[in-house]
Amino acid sequence: MILVNYSGKPSRNEVAVPATLETQGEIEVICETTNLAPNRNAKLVFRTWGDAQPPYQIRVRAPSGKVIVERVIRQLPTVDPQSAPPVSFSVQKGEYEISVTQLRGGAEGLATLTIT
């Protein structure tokens, strides 16, 4: 199990709400949290630690419990220049539960994005 924590810091001329991302599993969820604040877009990319083959299902659950993103994709968005575009959604204060699952295998990644 891999546990990663990313914390955001406000830039010089901006007041940003601190955000953290905790992720675990064979598929790592990555989000730039530096200037992440309410009414901004979170952009997610992923990194696999094994030989996880597509397709993948991505699901994001809002603080209210409602599923706000649910899609099946053939290629995971990564930080590589030629990869698929990031999974993007608008955030408000609260905890967002993120899961990415390999549909034909057991690889999975879970993350909690907290906007305070």
Protein backbone atom coordinates (compact mmCIF):
# COMPACT_ATOMS: atom_id res chain seq x y z
CA MET A 1 0.00 0.00 0.00
CA ILE A 2 1.25 3.47 -0.91
CA LEU A 3 0.09 6.54 1.00
CA VAL A 4 0.91 9.96 -0.42
CA ASN A 5 -0.11 13.36 0.94
CA TYR A 6 0.06 16.54 -1.15
CA SER A 7 -0.59 19.91 0.53
CA GLY A 8 -1.35 23.18 -1.24
CA LYS A 9 0.15 26.56 -0.45
CA PRO A 10 -1.23 29.93 -1.61
CA SER A 11 0.73 31.89 -4.21
CA ARG A 12 2.01 35.40 -3.51
CA ASN A 13 -1.06 37.40 -4.59
CA GLU A 14 -3.77 34.82 -3.98
CA VAL A 15 -5.53 33.45 -0.97
CA ALA A 16 -6.13 29.79 -1.66
CA VAL A 17 -7.98 27.34 0.52
CA PRO A 18 -5.59 24.62 1.68
CA ALA A 19 -6.18 21.31 -0.04
CA THR A 20 -4.77 17.85 0.62
CA LEU A 21 -4.83 14.63 -1.36
CA GLU A 22 -4.33 11.24 0.25
CA THR A 23 -4.00 8.33 -2.15
CA GLN A 24 -3.41 4.59 -1.86
CA GLY A 25 -3.41 1.52 -4.07
CA GLU A 26 -1.76 0.19 -7.23
CA ILE A 27 -3.02 3.17 -9.24
CA GLU A 28 -1.86 6.49 -7.78
CA VAL A 29 -4.14 9.54 -8.06
CA ILE A 30 -2.25 12.82 -8.58
CA CYS A 31 -3.74 16.33 -8.28
CA GLU A 32 -2.00 19.72 -8.19
CA THR A 33 -3.40 21.29 -5.01
CA THR A 34 -1.30 24.47 -4.84
CA ASN A 35 -4.03 26.95 -5.87
CA LEU A 36 -7.02 24.66 -5.49
CA ALA A 37 -9.95 26.54 -3.92
CA PRO A 38 -13.76 26.56 -4.13
CA ASN A 39 -15.11 27.26 -7.64
CA ARG A 40 -11.86 26.10 -9.26
CA ASN A 41 -11.22 22.93 -11.22
CA ALA A 42 -9.36 19.96 -9.81
CA LYS A 43 -7.40 18.13 -12.51
CA LEU A 44 -6.57 14.48 -11.88
CA VAL A 45 -3.90 12.35 -13.52
CA PHE A 46 -2.84 8.82 -12.59
CA ARG A 47 0.22 6.59 -12.33
CA THR A 48 0.16 2.79 -12.25
CA TRP A 49 2.65 0.79 -10.21
CA GLY A 50 2.09 -2.52 -11.95
CA ASP A 51 1.11 -3.80 -15.35
CA ALA A 52 -2.50 -2.58 -15.21
CA GLN A 53 -4.17 -2.90 -18.60
CA PRO A 54 -7.20 -0.84 -19.75
CA PRO A 55 -10.10 -0.19 -19.53
CA TYR A 56 -10.44 1.75 -16.26
CA GLN A 57 -13.44 3.16 -14.43
CA ILE A 58 -13.06 6.53 -12.70
CA ARG A 59 -15.59 7.68 -10.13
CA VAL A 60 -15.59 10.92 -8.08
CA ARG A 61 -18.04 11.35 -5.23
CA ALA A 62 -18.78 14.91 -3.96
CA PRO A 63 -19.00 15.82 -0.25
CA SER A 64 -22.80 15.48 -0.57
CA GLY A 65 -22.37 11.81 -1.56
CA LYS A 66 -23.49 12.40 -5.15
CA VAL A 67 -21.37 10.87 -7.95
CA ILE A 68 -20.18 13.85 -10.04
CA VAL A 69 -17.78 12.04 -12.38
CA GLU A 70 -18.22 8.48 -13.63
CA ARG A 71 -16.59 7.31 -16.81
CA VAL A 72 -14.83 4.37 -18.39
CA ILE A 73 -11.62 5.25 -20.23
CA ARG A 74 -9.16 3.31 -22.36
CA GLN A 75 -6.08 5.35 -21.46
CA LEU A 76 -5.27 6.85 -18.07
CA PRO A 77 -4.35 10.54 -18.10
CA THR A 78 -0.74 10.88 -16.94
CA VAL A 79 1.81 13.67 -16.72
CA ASP A 80 3.27 12.58 -20.08
CA PRO A 81 2.87 15.09 -22.96
CA GLN A 82 0.93 12.72 -25.27
CA SER A 83 -1.43 11.25 -22.67
CA ALA A 84 -5.17 11.70 -22.41
CA PRO A 85 -6.39 15.01 -20.91
CA PRO A 86 -6.77 15.16 -17.11
CA VAL A 87 -10.07 14.30 -15.46
CA SER A 88 -11.41 17.69 -14.37
CA PHE A 89 -14.22 18.79 -12.06
CA SER A 90 -15.17 21.91 -10.09
CA VAL A 91 -14.64 21.77 -6.32
CA GLN A 92 -16.24 23.30 -3.23
CA LYS A 93 -15.31 22.85 0.44
CA GLY A 94 -15.45 19.27 1.68
CA GLU A 95 -14.07 15.79 1.00
CA TYR A 96 -14.14 14.23 -2.46
CA GLU A 97 -13.78 10.44 -2.68
CA ILE A 98 -11.98 9.32 -5.84
CA SER A 99 -11.67 5.76 -7.11
CA VAL A 100 -10.03 4.36 -10.21
CA THR A 101 -10.49 0.66 -10.95
CA GLN A 102 -9.07 -1.62 -13.62
CA LEU A 103 -12.17 -3.31 -15.09
CA ARG A 104 -10.41 -6.52 -16.21
CA GLY A 105 -8.13 -7.08 -13.24
CA GLY A 106 -7.64 -6.20 -9.64
CA ALA A 107 -5.70 -2.93 -9.78
CA GLU A 108 -7.35 -0.10 -7.91
CA GLY A 109 -6.57 3.33 -6.56
CA LEU A 110 -8.44 5.27 -3.91
CA ALA A 111 -7.98 8.89 -2.90
CA THR A 112 -9.53 11.55 -0.72
CA LEU A 113 -9.26 15.16 -1.86
CA THR A 114 -10.02 17.55 1.01
CA ILE A 115 -10.78 21.23 0.41
CA THR A 116 -10.89 23.17 3.72
